[in-house]
Amino acid sequence: MPNPIARLVGGVPMPLIVIGPDLLVAEANTAAQALFAVSGEGLVGRHHGLLIRAPEVLGAIERALMQGQGSVVRLVTAQASHDQVYEVTVTPLHEGVLLAFADLTEAEQMDRMRRDFVANVSHELRTPLTAISGFIETLRAAAKDDPDARGRFLAIMAAEAERMNRLVRDLLHLSRVEAEERIRPETRVDLAAVARSVADSLQPLARGSDVQLALIGAQDEALVRADADQMVQVLTNLTENAIKYGSPAGTTVTLALSRESGPRGPVLRVEVVDQGAGIDARHIPRLTERFYRVDSHRSRAMGGTGLGLAIVKHIVQRHRGRLVIESEIGNGSKFSILLPMA
């Protein structure tokens, strides 16, 4: 008949290890074996010091065995892409000690993201506010009776205020999209018509930048289950970015629609392709992060908030689609959205 302790440890989903008074692992459940990358019964019978090298955890185990003192300590294990953080509760038993590992990695990542987000928003708002405050002081003093300087400063202040307005607007958009992300749209929308409308609205921007805007594959109806306003926002954002940041004068930005087969049925592919300088591969995985910019100075000078691609990512996820970014230095960039067709 199985040991009652073994049955109890085996039935708990979080990693649990029982260390006996001989300092050897007496019991370990499947989650603990996965945590320490040991298969089968490989943990049982091994000295705990061969598995756990963290001094804080080893000290807690010693206090529990020698003094009967329980404690809670942190254990950080290095993984390929990130550190895994555990809260280890060390509990003395009648014979031995129980270790319970609570995974805090996701909670700590979310907390770090929150802190970074607040810091980034504060920085983005502080810069224009500092500029506006400085110009107000100047207008009150040295430029009080200088109409030329007053007009120039007021124009700069208006631009900085508009920059803050864009930032607040994008923050509200991002918050709304994240709140709705689990609710898939049900309305059937003709994305070809959306693409035609977006291309028409951005033609003046393209002409002003001496860029040709080409629309391909939007003649026939292309129905998807979508939020029409959000699709306009996605296509406008990607195409506008390609015109502003990705295309030197005399080049072409292409907005193309095509249909293909996917693992779960027909898929509509929407591509925005530019002929610009391209993006270094090290930047591509981070492009959809909030406030991440490849060229911060140029982005701010062009009125970018650093939130556009984050908004695009969340909208695409809400539509159960996929965003693919491909780029190579010297060969331009291609942003593709794959959406299931209605």
Protein backbone atom coordinates (compact mmCIF):
# COMPACT_ATOMS: atom_id res chain seq x y z
CA MET A 1 0.00 0.00 0.00
CA PRO A 2 1.47 3.41 -0.95
CA ASN A 3 2.89 5.60 1.79
CA PRO A 4 0.20 8.15 2.89
CA ILE A 5 2.79 10.95 2.65
CA ALA A 6 3.65 9.86 -0.88
CA ARG A 7 -0.04 9.83 -1.85
CA LEU A 8 -0.54 13.30 -0.36
CA VAL A 9 2.55 14.75 -2.06
CA GLY A 10 1.64 13.15 -5.37
CA GLY A 11 -1.84 14.65 -5.35
CA VAL A 12 -0.72 18.27 -5.06
CA PRO A 13 -0.21 20.13 -8.36
CA MET A 14 2.55 22.45 -7.11
CA PRO A 15 6.10 21.07 -6.72
CA LEU A 16 6.55 19.36 -3.34
CA ILE A 17 9.64 17.66 -1.91
CA VAL A 18 10.02 15.86 1.43
CA ILE A 19 13.57 15.69 2.78
CA GLY A 20 14.27 13.11 5.45
CA PRO A 21 16.46 13.49 8.56
CA ASP A 22 19.26 11.78 6.59
CA LEU A 23 19.24 14.83 4.21
CA LEU A 24 18.05 12.65 1.32
CA VAL A 25 14.89 13.29 -0.71
CA ALA A 26 12.24 10.97 0.70
CA GLU A 27 9.30 11.98 -1.53
CA ALA A 28 8.82 14.16 -4.63
CA ASN A 29 5.80 14.63 -6.85
CA THR A 30 5.68 14.89 -10.63
CA ALA A 31 5.75 18.70 -10.58
CA ALA A 32 8.97 18.65 -8.53
CA GLN A 33 10.55 16.20 -10.95
CA ALA A 34 9.68 18.57 -13.82
CA LEU A 35 11.04 21.55 -11.89
CA PHE A 36 14.41 19.89 -11.38
CA ALA A 37 14.35 18.22 -14.83
CA VAL A 38 14.53 14.73 -13.35
CA SER A 39 12.32 11.97 -14.76
CA GLY A 40 10.85 8.93 -13.04
CA GLU A 41 11.91 8.40 -9.42
CA GLY A 42 15.24 10.20 -9.97
CA LEU A 43 14.76 12.69 -7.13
CA VAL A 44 14.04 10.18 -4.40
CA GLY A 45 17.16 9.02 -2.56
CA ARG A 46 19.34 11.88 -3.77
CA HIS A 47 21.01 14.33 -1.41
CA HIS A 48 19.08 17.59 -1.44
CA GLY A 49 22.33 19.57 -1.85
CA LEU A 50 22.78 18.06 -5.32
CA LEU A 51 19.45 19.52 -6.42
CA ILE A 52 19.28 22.84 -4.62
CA ARG A 53 22.32 25.11 -4.65
CA ALA A 54 20.70 28.33 -3.36
CA PRO A 55 22.25 29.24 0.03
CA GLU A 56 19.00 30.77 1.33
CA VAL A 57 17.04 27.58 0.68
CA LEU A 58 19.78 25.34 2.08
CA GLY A 59 19.93 27.50 5.23
CA ALA A 60 16.14 27.26 5.65
CA ILE A 61 16.28 23.47 5.30
CA GLU A 62 19.03 23.25 7.93
CA ARG A 63 17.08 25.43 10.39
CA ALA A 64 13.95 23.32 9.86
CA LEU A 65 15.84 20.04 10.46
CA MET A 66 18.00 21.22 13.37
CA GLN A 67 15.74 23.74 15.13
CA GLY A 68 12.24 22.89 13.90
CA GLN A 69 11.95 26.41 12.49
CA GLY A 70 9.82 27.02 9.39
CA SER A 71 10.48 29.83 6.92
CA VAL A 72 9.69 31.22 3.46
CA VAL A 73 12.55 32.01 1.06
CA ARG A 74 13.02 32.87 -2.64
CA LEU A 75 14.54 30.59 -5.24
CA VAL A 76 15.55 31.95 -8.64
CA THR A 77 16.43 29.46 -11.39
CA ALA A 78 17.90 30.53 -14.72
CA GLN A 79 15.95 29.45 -17.80
CA ALA A 80 16.77 29.90 -21.47
CA SER A 81 14.68 33.05 -21.95
CA HIS A 82 14.05 34.31 -18.41
CA ASP A 83 14.55 33.65 -14.72
CA GLN A 84 12.01 31.47 -12.93
CA VAL A 85 11.11 32.79 -9.48
CA TYR A 86 9.68 30.57 -6.73
CA GLU A 87 8.55 31.22 -3.17
CA VAL A 88 9.75 28.20 -1.21
CA THR A 89 7.85 27.39 1.99
CA VAL A 90 10.00 25.22 4.26
CA THR A 91 7.92 23.38 6.88
CA PRO A 92 9.36 21.08 9.60
CA LEU A 93 7.75 17.64 9.83
CA HIS A 94 7.89 15.01 12.57
CA GLU A 95 10.74 13.41 10.64
CA GLY A 96 12.18 15.63 7.99
CA VAL A 97 11.07 18.79 6.21
CA LEU A 98 8.57 19.66 3.49
CA LEU A 99 9.45 22.06 0.66
CA ALA A 100 6.61 23.65 -1.34
CA PHE A 101 7.47 25.71 -4.44
CA ALA A 102 5.00 28.45 -5.45
CA ASP A 103 5.74 29.89 -8.91
CA LEU A 104 5.82 33.71 -8.74
CA THR A 105 7.34 34.27 -12.17
CA GLU A 106 4.22 35.54 -13.93
CA ALA A 107 3.20 37.77 -11.02
CA GLU A 108 6.66 39.33 -10.85
CA GLN A 109 6.74 39.84 -14.62
CA MET A 110 3.36 41.59 -14.46
CA ASP A 111 4.54 43.77 -11.59
CA ARG A 112 7.69 44.69 -13.51
CA MET A 113 5.61 45.50 -16.60
CA ARG A 114 3.36 47.72 -14.49
CA ARG A 115 6.34 49.60 -13.04
CA ASP A 116 7.91 50.01 -16.48
CA PHE A 117 4.60 51.20 -17.92
CA VAL A 118 4.15 53.84 -15.22
CA ALA A 119 7.76 54.99 -15.65
CA ASN A 120 7.39 55.21 -19.44
CA VAL A 121 4.11 57.13 -19.27
CA SER A 122 5.62 59.51 -16.74
CA HIS A 123 8.63 60.09 -18.98
CA GLU A 124 6.54 60.59 -22.11
CA LEU A 125 4.33 63.16 -20.36
CA ARG A 126 7.11 64.89 -18.45
CA THR A 127 9.03 65.89 -21.60
CA PRO A 128 6.26 67.98 -23.24
CA LEU A 129 5.12 69.31 -19.85
CA THR A 130 8.64 70.52 -19.11
CA ALA A 131 8.81 72.23 -22.51
CA ILE A 132 5.42 73.92 -22.04
CA SER A 133 6.32 75.08 -18.52
CA GLY A 134 9.60 76.53 -19.78
CA PHE A 135 7.91 78.46 -22.58
CA ILE A 136 5.25 79.80 -20.19
CA GLU A 137 7.99 81.19 -17.93
CA THR A 138 9.71 82.73 -20.96
CA LEU A 139 6.48 84.32 -22.19
CA ARG A 140 5.89 85.79 -18.76
CA ALA A 141 9.36 87.31 -18.68
CA ALA A 142 11.83 87.88 -21.54
CA ALA A 143 9.39 87.31 -24.43
CA LYS A 144 6.50 89.17 -22.86
CA ASP A 145 6.76 92.09 -25.32
CA ASP A 146 8.20 90.20 -28.31
CA PRO A 147 5.34 89.25 -30.69
CA ASP A 148 7.56 87.15 -32.99
CA ALA A 149 8.94 85.07 -30.12
CA ARG A 150 5.48 84.82 -28.58
CA GLY A 151 4.00 83.40 -31.80
CA ARG A 152 6.88 80.93 -32.21
CA PHE A 153 6.66 79.73 -28.61
CA LEU A 154 2.88 79.38 -28.72
CA ALA A 155 3.19 77.22 -31.85
CA ILE A 156 5.68 74.94 -30.07
CA MET A 157 3.44 74.77 -27.00
CA ALA A 158 0.47 73.81 -29.18
CA ALA A 159 2.53 71.02 -30.79
CA GLU A 160 3.61 69.69 -27.38
CA ALA A 161 0.02 69.80 -26.09
CA GLU A 162 -1.12 67.86 -29.17
CA ARG A 163 1.62 65.34 -28.50
CA MET A 164 0.24 64.78 -24.98
CA ASN A 165 -3.26 64.52 -26.43
CA ARG A 166 -2.12 61.80 -28.84
CA LEU A 167 -0.45 59.92 -26.01
CA VAL A 168 -3.56 60.03 -23.80
CA ARG A 169 -5.74 59.00 -26.76
CA ASP A 170 -3.50 56.02 -27.55
CA LEU A 171 -3.42 55.01 -23.88
CA LEU A 172 -7.22 55.00 -23.82
CA HIS A 173 -7.30 52.98 -27.07
CA LEU A 174 -4.85 50.46 -25.62
CA SER A 175 -6.82 50.14 -22.39
CA ARG A 176 -10.09 49.63 -24.29
CA VAL A 177 -8.60 47.03 -26.63
CA GLU A 178 -7.06 45.09 -23.73
CA ALA A 179 -10.40 45.12 -21.89
CA GLU A 180 -12.18 43.71 -24.96
CA GLU A 181 -9.45 41.28 -26.01
CA ARG A 182 -11.33 38.16 -24.85
CA ILE A 183 -14.50 39.17 -26.69
CA ARG A 184 -14.26 38.16 -30.32
CA PRO A 185 -16.19 40.44 -32.73
CA GLU A 186 -19.19 38.86 -34.46
CA THR A 187 -19.95 41.45 -37.16
CA ARG A 188 -19.08 40.54 -40.74
CA VAL A 189 -16.86 43.26 -42.19
CA ASP A 190 -15.60 43.67 -45.76
CA LEU A 191 -11.90 44.24 -45.20
CA ALA A 192 -11.38 45.08 -48.87
CA ALA A 193 -13.69 48.07 -48.45
CA VAL A 194 -11.81 49.04 -45.27
CA ALA A 195 -8.50 48.84 -47.15
CA ARG A 196 -9.83 51.02 -49.97
CA SER A 197 -11.05 53.62 -47.47
CA VAL A 198 -7.72 53.65 -45.60
CA ALA A 199 -5.73 53.95 -48.83
CA ASP A 200 -7.87 56.89 -49.96
CA SER A 201 -7.50 58.68 -46.61
CA LEU A 202 -3.69 58.27 -46.61
CA GLN A 203 -3.06 59.35 -50.21
CA PRO A 204 -2.47 63.01 -49.18
CA LEU A 205 0.15 61.89 -46.62
CA ALA A 206 1.82 59.70 -49.24
CA ARG A 207 1.91 62.52 -51.81
CA GLY A 208 3.30 64.92 -49.20
CA SER A 209 6.11 62.43 -48.50
CA ASP A 210 6.69 61.79 -52.25
CA VAL A 211 5.75 58.15 -51.72
CA GLN A 212 3.57 56.04 -54.01
CA LEU A 213 0.79 54.16 -52.16
CA ALA A 214 -0.31 51.05 -54.05
CA LEU A 215 -3.42 49.00 -53.18
CA ILE A 216 -3.51 45.39 -54.42
CA GLY A 217 -6.19 42.70 -54.16
CA ALA A 218 -8.96 44.90 -52.77
CA GLN A 219 -11.34 44.67 -55.74
CA ASP A 220 -13.33 41.68 -54.44
CA GLU A 221 -15.24 41.39 -51.19
CA ALA A 222 -13.18 39.96 -48.28
CA LEU A 223 -15.42 39.17 -45.30
CA VAL A 224 -14.01 38.67 -41.81
CA ARG A 225 -15.61 38.72 -38.37
CA ALA A 226 -14.28 42.02 -37.13
CA ASP A 227 -14.72 45.35 -35.44
CA ALA A 228 -14.71 47.76 -38.40
CA ASP A 229 -13.31 50.71 -36.45
CA GLN A 230 -10.47 48.63 -35.04
CA MET A 231 -9.61 47.29 -38.48
CA VAL A 232 -9.45 50.85 -39.79
CA GLN A 233 -7.12 51.66 -36.89
CA VAL A 234 -4.85 48.68 -37.64
CA LEU A 235 -4.53 49.32 -41.38
CA THR A 236 -4.12 53.06 -40.87
CA ASN A 237 -1.43 52.56 -38.24
CA LEU A 238 0.62 50.09 -40.29
CA THR A 239 0.30 52.00 -43.56
CA GLU A 240 0.99 55.37 -41.95
CA ASN A 241 4.08 53.95 -40.23
CA ALA A 242 5.33 52.60 -43.56
CA ILE A 243 4.90 56.01 -45.20
CA LYS A 244 6.37 58.05 -42.34
CA TYR A 245 9.21 55.85 -41.11
CA GLY A 246 9.85 53.14 -43.67
CA SER A 247 9.86 54.81 -47.07
CA PRO A 248 12.28 57.35 -48.51
CA ALA A 249 11.03 59.74 -51.20
CA GLY A 250 10.43 58.08 -54.55
CA THR A 251 9.63 54.62 -53.16
CA THR A 252 6.38 52.64 -52.94
CA VAL A 253 4.33 51.42 -49.99
CA THR A 254 2.07 48.48 -50.86
CA LEU A 255 -1.13 47.55 -49.05
CA ALA A 256 -2.08 44.10 -50.34
CA LEU A 257 -4.87 41.61 -49.61
CA SER A 258 -4.73 37.95 -50.54
CA ARG A 259 -6.49 34.72 -49.59
CA GLU A 260 -4.86 31.47 -48.54
CA SER A 261 -5.60 28.22 -46.76
CA GLY A 262 -4.97 27.92 -43.05
CA PRO A 263 -5.06 24.96 -40.64
CA ARG A 264 -8.62 25.92 -39.60
CA GLY A 265 -9.98 27.20 -42.89
CA PRO A 266 -9.57 30.13 -45.28
CA VAL A 267 -7.36 32.98 -44.09
CA LEU A 268 -7.16 36.58 -45.28
CA ARG A 269 -3.61 37.92 -45.42
CA VAL A 270 -3.17 41.69 -45.25
CA GLU A 271 0.35 42.94 -45.95
CA VAL A 272 1.89 46.38 -45.67
CA VAL A 273 5.25 46.46 -47.44
CA ASP A 274 7.72 49.32 -47.68
CA GLN A 275 11.01 49.80 -49.54
CA GLY A 276 12.87 51.51 -46.75
CA ALA A 277 16.11 50.84 -44.91
CA GLY A 278 14.68 47.87 -43.00
CA ILE A 279 14.85 47.00 -39.30
CA ASP A 280 17.69 45.19 -37.56
CA ALA A 281 16.65 41.68 -36.52
CA ARG A 282 17.39 42.38 -32.84
CA HIS A 283 14.58 44.95 -32.72
CA ILE A 284 11.84 42.84 -34.34
CA PRO A 285 10.79 40.74 -31.28
CA ARG A 286 10.30 43.94 -29.27
CA LEU A 287 8.49 46.12 -31.79
CA THR A 288 5.06 45.46 -30.27
CA GLU A 289 6.17 46.35 -26.74
CA ARG A 290 4.68 49.53 -25.31
CA PHE A 291 6.88 52.58 -25.92
CA TYR A 292 9.56 50.56 -27.71
CA ARG A 293 11.07 52.56 -30.56
CA VAL A 294 13.82 51.67 -33.01
CA ASP A 295 14.66 55.37 -33.44
CA SER A 296 13.26 57.26 -30.43
CA HIS A 297 14.24 60.75 -31.59
CA ARG A 298 12.78 60.36 -35.07
CA SER A 299 9.61 58.72 -33.79
CA ARG A 300 8.92 61.56 -31.36
CA ALA A 301 9.75 64.17 -33.99
CA MET A 302 7.19 62.56 -36.34
CA GLY A 303 4.52 62.53 -33.61
CA GLY A 304 4.73 58.85 -32.66
CA THR A 305 3.66 57.76 -29.17
CA GLY A 306 5.37 54.35 -29.16
CA LEU A 307 2.02 52.61 -28.59
CA GLY A 308 0.81 52.04 -32.15
CA LEU A 309 2.16 48.53 -32.70
CA ALA A 310 1.13 47.47 -29.18
CA ILE A 311 -2.43 48.51 -30.06
CA VAL A 312 -2.20 46.65 -33.38
CA LYS A 313 -1.01 43.47 -31.62
CA HIS A 314 -3.89 43.46 -29.14
CA ILE A 315 -6.48 44.18 -31.83
CA VAL A 316 -5.17 41.31 -33.98
CA GLN A 317 -5.24 38.99 -30.97
CA ARG A 318 -8.83 40.01 -30.24
CA HIS A 319 -9.71 38.99 -33.81
CA ARG A 320 -7.98 35.60 -33.29
CA GLY A 321 -5.44 36.57 -35.92
CA ARG A 322 -1.68 36.67 -36.12
CA LEU A 323 0.78 39.52 -36.68
CA VAL A 324 4.00 38.65 -38.51
CA ILE A 325 6.86 41.14 -38.91
CA GLU A 326 9.59 40.51 -41.46
CA SER A 327 12.44 42.88 -42.21
CA GLU A 328 16.02 42.95 -43.36
CA ILE A 329 18.48 45.80 -43.35
CA GLY A 330 18.53 47.36 -46.82
CA ASN A 331 15.46 45.44 -48.06
CA GLY A 332 12.52 47.16 -46.37
CA SER A 333 9.91 45.72 -44.04
CA LYS A 334 6.72 43.68 -44.33
CA PHE A 335 3.97 43.65 -41.71
CA SER A 336 1.45 40.84 -42.27
CA ILE A 337 -1.87 40.20 -40.55
CA LEU A 338 -3.53 36.81 -40.95
CA LEU A 339 -7.23 36.76 -40.10
CA PRO A 340 -9.72 33.87 -40.30
CA MET A 341 -12.29 34.63 -42.99
CA ALA A 342 -16.00 34.73 -42.17
